[in-house]
C-alpha atoms as a PDB file:
ATOM      1  CA  UNK A   1     -17.676-214.112 -62.318  1.00  0.00           C
ATOM      2  CA  UNK A   2     -19.312-216.666 -60.038  1.00  0.00           C
ATOM      3  CA  UNK A   3     -22.456-214.981 -58.719  1.00  0.00           C
ATOM      4  CA  UNK A   4     -24.192-218.153 -57.557  1.00  0.00           C
ATOM      5  CA  UNK A   5     -27.893-219.005 -57.431  1.00  0.00           C
ATOM      6  CA  UNK A   6     -28.759-216.910 -54.349  1.00  0.00           C
ATOM      7  CA  UNK A   7     -27.275-213.885 -52.601  1.00  0.00           C
ATOM      8  CA  UNK A   8     -28.665-212.811 -49.214  1.00  0.00           C
ATOM      9  CA  UNK A   9     -31.838-214.787 -49.785  1.00  0.00           C
ATOM     10  CA  UNK A  10     -32.500-213.286 -53.229  1.00  0.00           C
ATOM     11  CA  UNK A  11     -32.743-215.811 -56.055  1.00  0.00           C
ATOM     12  CA  UNK A  12     -30.576-214.987 -59.034  1.00  0.00           C
ATOM     13  CA  UNK A  13     -32.466-215.643 -62.254  1.00  0.00           C
ATOM     14  CA  UNK A  14     -30.324-216.765 -65.187  1.00  0.00           C
ATOM     15  CA  UNK A  15     -29.364-214.209 -67.780  1.00  0.00           C
ATOM     16  CA  UNK A  16     -29.127-215.221 -71.386  1.00  0.00           C
ATOM     17  CA  UNK A  17     -27.085-212.249 -72.546  1.00  0.00           C
ATOM     18  CA  UNK A  18     -24.614-209.533 -71.672  1.00  0.00           C
ATOM     19  CA  UNK A  19     -26.014-206.026 -71.499  1.00  0.00           C
ATOM     20  CA  UNK A  20     -24.034-203.597 -73.664  1.00  0.00           C
ATOM     21  CA  UNK A  21     -21.543-206.466 -74.229  1.00  0.00           C
ATOM     22  CA  UNK A  22     -20.070-205.784 -70.802  1.00  0.00           C
ATOM     23  CA  UNK A  23     -22.487-206.062 -67.884  1.00  0.00           C
ATOM     24  CA  UNK A  24     -23.427-209.579 -66.841  1.00  0.00           C
ATOM     25  CA  UNK A  25     -25.653-208.793 -63.825  1.00  0.00           C
ATOM     26  CA  UNK A  26     -28.857-206.722 -63.658  1.00  0.00           C
ATOM     27  CA  UNK A  27     -30.642-205.776 -60.436  1.00  0.00           C
ATOM     28  CA  UNK A  28     -34.041-204.100 -60.534  1.00  0.00           C
ATOM     29  CA  UNK A  29     -34.831-201.755 -57.661  1.00  0.00           C
ATOM     30  CA  UNK A  30     -38.342-200.610 -56.745  1.00  0.00           C
ATOM     31  CA  UNK A  31     -39.334-197.370 -58.414  1.00  0.00           C
ATOM     32  CA  UNK A  32     -38.924-195.528 -61.678  1.00  0.00           C
ATOM     33  CA  UNK A  33     -37.991-191.978 -62.647  1.00  0.00           C
ATOM     34  CA  UNK A  34     -41.342-190.645 -61.437  1.00  0.00           C
ATOM     35  CA  UNK A  35     -42.014-192.707 -58.327  1.00  0.00           C
ATOM     36  CA  UNK A  36     -39.067-193.829 -56.201  1.00  0.00           C
ATOM     37  CA  UNK A  37     -37.747-193.701 -52.676  1.00  0.00           C
ATOM     38  CA  UNK A  38     -35.315-190.749 -52.646  1.00  0.00           C
ATOM     39  CA  UNK A  39     -33.485-192.077 -49.575  1.00  0.00           C
ATOM     40  CA  UNK A  40     -32.791-195.412 -51.269  1.00  0.00           C
ATOM     41  CA  UNK A  41     -31.712-193.623 -54.430  1.00  0.00           C
ATOM     42  CA  UNK A  42     -29.339-191.422 -52.451  1.00  0.00           C
ATOM     43  CA  UNK A  43     -27.833-194.522 -50.821  1.00  0.00           C
ATOM     44  CA  UNK A  44     -27.416-196.128 -54.251  1.00  0.00           C
ATOM     45  CA  UNK A  45     -25.562-193.054 -55.522  1.00  0.00           C
ATOM     46  CA  UNK A  46     -23.323-193.126 -52.447  1.00  0.00           C
ATOM     47  CA  UNK A  47     -22.672-196.822 -53.087  1.00  0.00           C
ATOM     48  CA  UNK A  48     -21.739-196.023 -56.669  1.00  0.00           C
ATOM     49  CA  UNK A  49     -19.274-193.350 -55.555  1.00  0.00           C
ATOM     50  CA  UNK A  50     -17.512-195.898 -53.350  1.00  0.00           C
ATOM     51  CA  UNK A  51     -16.834-198.186 -56.298  1.00  0.00           C
ATOM     52  CA  UNK A  52     -15.473-197.665 -59.752  1.00  0.00           C
ATOM     53  CA  UNK A  53     -17.889-195.971 -62.116  1.00  0.00           C
ATOM     54  CA  UNK A  54     -16.805-198.426 -64.768  1.00  0.00           C
ATOM     55  CA  UNK A  55     -18.292-201.448 -62.960  1.00  0.00           C
ATOM     56  CA  UNK A  56     -21.873-200.138 -62.749  1.00  0.00           C
ATOM     57  CA  UNK A  57     -24.441-198.638 -65.117  1.00  0.00           C
ATOM     58  CA  UNK A  58     -27.919-197.308 -64.359  1.00  0.00           C
ATOM     59  CA  UNK A  59     -31.073-197.096 -66.448  1.00  0.00           C
ATOM     60  CA  UNK A  60     -34.661-196.065 -65.784  1.00  0.00           C
ATOM     61  CA  UNK A  61     -37.020-198.610 -67.244  1.00  0.00           C
ATOM     62  CA  UNK A  62     -40.231-199.862 -65.712  1.00  0.00           C
ATOM     63  CA  UNK A  63     -38.129-199.952 -62.534  1.00  0.00           C
ATOM     64  CA  UNK A  64     -34.690-198.615 -61.667  1.00  0.00           C
ATOM     65  CA  UNK A  65     -32.136-201.004 -63.181  1.00  0.00           C
ATOM     66  CA  UNK A  66     -28.542-201.316 -62.035  1.00  0.00           C
ATOM     67  CA  UNK A  67     -26.082-203.250 -64.200  1.00  0.00           C
ATOM     68  CA  UNK A  68     -22.779-204.695 -62.981  1.00  0.00           C
ATOM     69  CA  UNK A  69     -19.640-205.977 -64.653  1.00  0.00           C
ATOM     70  CA  UNK A  70     -18.056-207.052 -61.364  1.00  0.00           C
ATOM     71  CA  UNK A  71     -19.792-209.823 -59.405  1.00  0.00           C
ATOM     72  CA  UNK A  72     -18.104-208.792 -56.129  1.00  0.00           C
ATOM     73  CA  UNK A  73     -19.594-205.310 -56.362  1.00  0.00           C
ATOM     74  CA  UNK A  74     -22.957-206.825 -57.354  1.00  0.00           C
ATOM     75  CA  UNK A  75     -22.965-209.089 -54.281  1.00  0.00           C
ATOM     76  CA  UNK A  76     -22.225-206.113 -52.005  1.00  0.00           C
ATOM     77  CA  UNK A  77     -25.021-204.154 -53.678  1.00  0.00           C
ATOM     78  CA  UNK A  78     -27.512-207.007 -53.286  1.00  0.00           C
ATOM     79  CA  UNK A  79     -26.627-207.475 -49.620  1.00  0.00           C
ATOM     80  CA  UNK A  80     -26.982-203.756 -48.907  1.00  0.00           C
ATOM     81  CA  UNK A  81     -30.204-203.119 -50.859  1.00  0.00           C
ATOM     82  CA  UNK A  82     -31.927-206.516 -50.581  1.00  0.00           C
ATOM     83  CA  UNK A  83     -35.119-204.941 -49.161  1.00  0.00           C
ATOM     84  CA  UNK A  84     -35.501-202.672 -52.203  1.00  0.00           C
ATOM     85  CA  UNK A  85     -34.572-205.180 -54.897  1.00  0.00           C
ATOM     86  CA  UNK A  86     -37.370-206.653 -56.991  1.00  0.00           C
ATOM     87  CA  UNK A  87     -35.300-209.098 -59.034  1.00  0.00           C
ATOM     88  CA  UNK A  88     -31.774-209.969 -60.064  1.00  0.00           C
ATOM     89  CA  UNK A  89     -30.681-211.559 -63.323  1.00  0.00           C
ATOM     90  CA  UNK A  90     -27.152-212.630 -63.948  1.00  0.00           C
ATOM     91  CA  UNK A  91     -24.639-215.056 -65.239  1.00  0.00           C
ATOM     92  CA  UNK A  92     -24.322-217.384 -62.291  1.00  0.00           C
ATOM     93  CA  UNK A  93     -21.304-219.484 -63.218  1.00  0.00           C
ATOM     94  CA  UNK A  94     -18.267-219.576 -65.454  1.00  0.00           C
ATOM     95  CA  UNK A  95     -19.924-222.236 -67.621  1.00  0.00           C
ATOM     96  CA  UNK A  96     -22.896-219.945 -68.343  1.00  0.00           C
ATOM     97  CA  UNK A  97     -20.508-217.094 -69.137  1.00  0.00           C
ATOM     98  CA  UNK A  98     -18.485-219.269 -71.527  1.00  0.00           C
ATOM     99  CA  UNK A  99     -21.640-220.197 -73.467  1.00  0.00           C
ATOM    100  CA  UNK A 100     -22.861-216.600 -73.656  1.00  0.00           C
ATOM    101  CA  UNK A 101     -19.594-215.127 -74.926  1.00  0.00           C
ATOM    102  CA  UNK A 102     -19.018-217.904 -77.452  1.00  0.00           C
ATOM    103  CA  UNK A 103     -19.862-216.889 -80.966  1.00  0.00           C
ATOM    104  CA  UNK A 104     -21.491-220.188 -81.863  1.00  0.00           C
ATOM    105  CA  UNK A 105     -23.785-221.023 -78.931  1.00  0.00           C
ATOM    106  CA  UNK A 106     -26.981-219.655 -77.412  1.00  0.00           C
ATOM    107  CA  UNK A 107     -27.993-220.183 -73.780  1.00  0.00           C
ATOM    108  CA  UNK A 108     -31.730-220.879 -73.324  1.00  0.00           C
ATOM    109  CA  UNK A 109     -34.111-222.475 -70.832  1.00  0.00           C
ATOM    110  CA  UNK A 110     -35.211-225.006 -73.442  1.00  0.00           C
ATOM    111  CA  UNK A 111     -34.724-225.927 -77.076  1.00  0.00           C
ATOM    112  CA  UNK A 112     -36.588-223.937 -79.716  1.00  0.00           C
ATOM    113  CA  UNK A 113     -40.117-225.369 -79.863  1.00  0.00           C
ATOM    114  CA  UNK A 114     -38.847-228.042 -77.404  1.00  0.00           C
ATOM    115  CA  UNK A 115     -37.313-229.768 -80.404  1.00  0.00           C
ATOM    116  CA  UNK A 116     -34.707-227.822 -82.372  1.00  0.00           C
ATOM    117  CA  UNK A 117     -31.111-227.587 -81.135  1.00  0.00           C
ATOM    118  CA  UNK A 118     -29.716-225.372 -83.935  1.00  0.00           C
ATOM    119  CA  UNK A 119     -30.806-222.063 -85.423  1.00  0.00           C
ATOM    120  CA  UNK A 120     -29.613-219.791 -88.201  1.00  0.00           C
ATOM    121  CA  UNK A 121     -30.777-216.418 -89.486  1.00  0.00           C
ATOM    122  CA  UNK A 122     -30.580-214.905 -92.938  1.00  0.00           C
ATOM    123  CA  UNK A 123     -31.281-211.216 -93.403  1.00  0.00           C
ATOM    124  CA  UNK A 124     -32.656-210.115 -96.776  1.00  0.00           C
ATOM    125  CA  UNK A 125     -32.596-213.613 -98.272  1.00  0.00           C
ATOM    126  CA  UNK A 126     -32.912-213.782-102.027  1.00  0.00           C
ATOM    127  CA  UNK A 127     -35.435-216.050-103.756  1.00  0.00           C
ATOM    128  CA  UNK A 128     -32.783-218.623-104.724  1.00  0.00           C
ATOM    129  CA  UNK A 129     -31.719-219.065-101.073  1.00  0.00           C
ATOM    130  CA  UNK A 130     -35.338-219.389 -99.891  1.00  0.00           C
ATOM    131  CA  UNK A 131     -36.130-222.007-102.555  1.00  0.00           C
ATOM    132  CA  UNK A 132     -33.017-224.033-101.682  1.00  0.00           C
ATOM    133  CA  UNK A 133     -33.885-224.063 -97.992  1.00  0.00           C
ATOM    134  CA  UNK A 134     -37.549-224.911 -98.582  1.00  0.00           C
ATOM    135  CA  UNK A 135     -36.594-227.861-100.830  1.00  0.00           C
ATOM    136  CA  UNK A 136     -34.250-229.453 -98.295  1.00  0.00           C
ATOM    137  CA  UNK A 137     -35.513-232.735 -96.875  1.00  0.00           C
ATOM    138  CA  UNK A 138     -34.706-232.236 -93.190  1.00  0.00           C
ATOM    139  CA  UNK A 139     -36.260-231.989 -89.746  1.00  0.00           C
ATOM    140  CA  UNK A 140     -36.496-228.221 -89.649  1.00  0.00           C
ATOM    141  CA  UNK A 141     -38.865-225.341 -89.165  1.00  0.00           C
ATOM    142  CA  UNK A 142     -38.415-222.475 -91.592  1.00  0.00           C
ATOM    143  CA  UNK A 143     -39.920-219.108 -90.814  1.00  0.00           C
ATOM    144  CA  UNK A 144     -39.945-216.084 -93.121  1.00  0.00           C
ATOM    145  CA  UNK A 145     -41.143-212.631 -92.167  1.00  0.00           C
ATOM    146  CA  UNK A 146     -43.990-211.252 -94.226  1.00  0.00           C
ATOM    147  CA  UNK A 147     -41.831-208.453 -95.580  1.00  0.00           C
ATOM    148  CA  UNK A 148     -39.056-210.882 -96.501  1.00  0.00           C
ATOM    149  CA  UNK A 149     -36.307-209.153 -94.552  1.00  0.00           C
ATOM    150  CA  UNK A 150     -35.470-212.130 -92.347  1.00  0.00           C
ATOM    151  CA  UNK A 151     -35.622-215.914 -92.519  1.00  0.00           C
ATOM    152  CA  UNK A 152     -35.067-218.123 -89.496  1.00  0.00           C
ATOM    153  CA  UNK A 153     -34.297-221.813 -89.818  1.00  0.00           C
ATOM    154  CA  UNK A 154     -34.557-224.099 -86.784  1.00  0.00           C
ATOM    155  CA  UNK A 155     -32.705-227.388 -87.214  1.00  0.00           C
ATOM    156  CA  UNK A 156     -33.006-230.610 -85.255  1.00  0.00           C
ATOM    157  CA  UNK A 157     -29.724-232.457 -85.776  1.00  0.00           C
ATOM    158  CA  UNK A 158     -26.151-232.213 -87.009  1.00  0.00           C
ATOM    159  CA  UNK A 159     -27.189-233.977 -90.220  1.00  0.00           C
ATOM    160  CA  UNK A 160     -29.647-231.173 -90.900  1.00  0.00           C
ATOM    161  CA  UNK A 161     -26.925-228.616 -90.168  1.00  0.00           C
ATOM    162  CA  UNK A 162     -24.676-230.309 -92.723  1.00  0.00           C
ATOM    163  CA  UNK A 163     -27.467-230.342 -95.339  1.00  0.00           C
ATOM    164  CA  UNK A 164     -28.123-226.654 -94.708  1.00  0.00           C
ATOM    165  CA  UNK A 165     -24.437-225.778 -95.014  1.00  0.00           C
ATOM    166  CA  UNK A 166     -24.031-227.772 -98.233  1.00  0.00           C
ATOM    167  CA  UNK A 167     -27.131-226.225 -99.796  1.00  0.00           C
ATOM    168  CA  UNK A 168     -26.371-222.614 -98.857  1.00  0.00           C
ATOM    169  CA  UNK A 169     -22.592-222.707 -99.053  1.00  0.00           C
ATOM    170  CA  UNK A 170     -21.978-222.123 -95.322  1.00  0.00           C
ATOM    171  CA  UNK A 171     -22.901-218.478 -95.743  1.00  0.00           C
ATOM    172  CA  UNK A 172     -24.725-218.191 -92.405  1.00  0.00           C
ATOM    173  CA  UNK A 173     -23.558-218.792 -88.863  1.00  0.00           C
ATOM    174  CA  UNK A 174     -25.416-221.695 -87.274  1.00  0.00           C
ATOM    175  CA  UNK A 175     -25.872-221.440 -83.514  1.00  0.00           C
ATOM    176  CA  UNK A 176     -26.176-224.394 -81.160  1.00  0.00           C
ATOM    177  CA  UNK A 177     -28.581-224.184 -78.215  1.00  0.00           C
ATOM    178  CA  UNK A 178     -27.233-225.073 -74.795  1.00  0.00           C
ATOM    179  CA  UNK A 179     -29.941-225.401 -72.156  1.00  0.00           C
ATOM    180  CA  UNK A 180     -29.577-224.523 -68.489  1.00  0.00           C
ATOM    181  CA  UNK A 181     -30.098-228.188 -67.594  1.00  0.00           C
ATOM    182  CA  UNK A 182     -27.042-229.146 -69.636  1.00  0.00           C
ATOM    183  CA  UNK A 183     -24.741-226.826 -67.733  1.00  0.00           C
END
C-alpha cells in the first residue's frame, strides 16, 4: 500500500478516492484513443500480460489512464514507463488509505471554505428538514440546489455537529475532513 511521494523521479500526487472502490493508484500516459504511440501501447499490453489482470484497469480519457490495485505493480510500471507518464495520483501511505476507506472521514487538501471541518448531505430534503436546519444557531454554511434535490451543510465544530444531529434526529451521516497536513 505504501507508494511513497516519488517513484523514479515522478512525483505522486495525492488521491482523495478509490477508483471503482478498488484501484488506489492512477497513472496517465501520453496519448488517447486517437493519438498515441503504438510502440508504448504495445509495451504496456505486454506489461499487463506479465501481471495479474485483476491488479490493473485501463481507460481512455483525455489521456490513457492505467489504474492499479497493487502498489508493487504500480511502482514497476512507473519505473518502466516513466518517460511516457504525464502524472500519477495515488494513496501514498497507510494513513491516507485508512482515511479514504473509513465511512466517516473525507481526505482533502484543505477544509471546506478554509473553515468547515464537517459536512453532511441530504438528498430530496423536505421543507420541515430545511426549516429546522436554517433555524439552527450555529457556525455553518447551508447550501441548497435550485431544484431542491440536494442540501449540503458545512459545519465548523463538534458543537454544531451535535446541534445538527439533535435537530434532524441523526438521520444523515456527518463526515469529518482530514487534511493532508494532518496526516
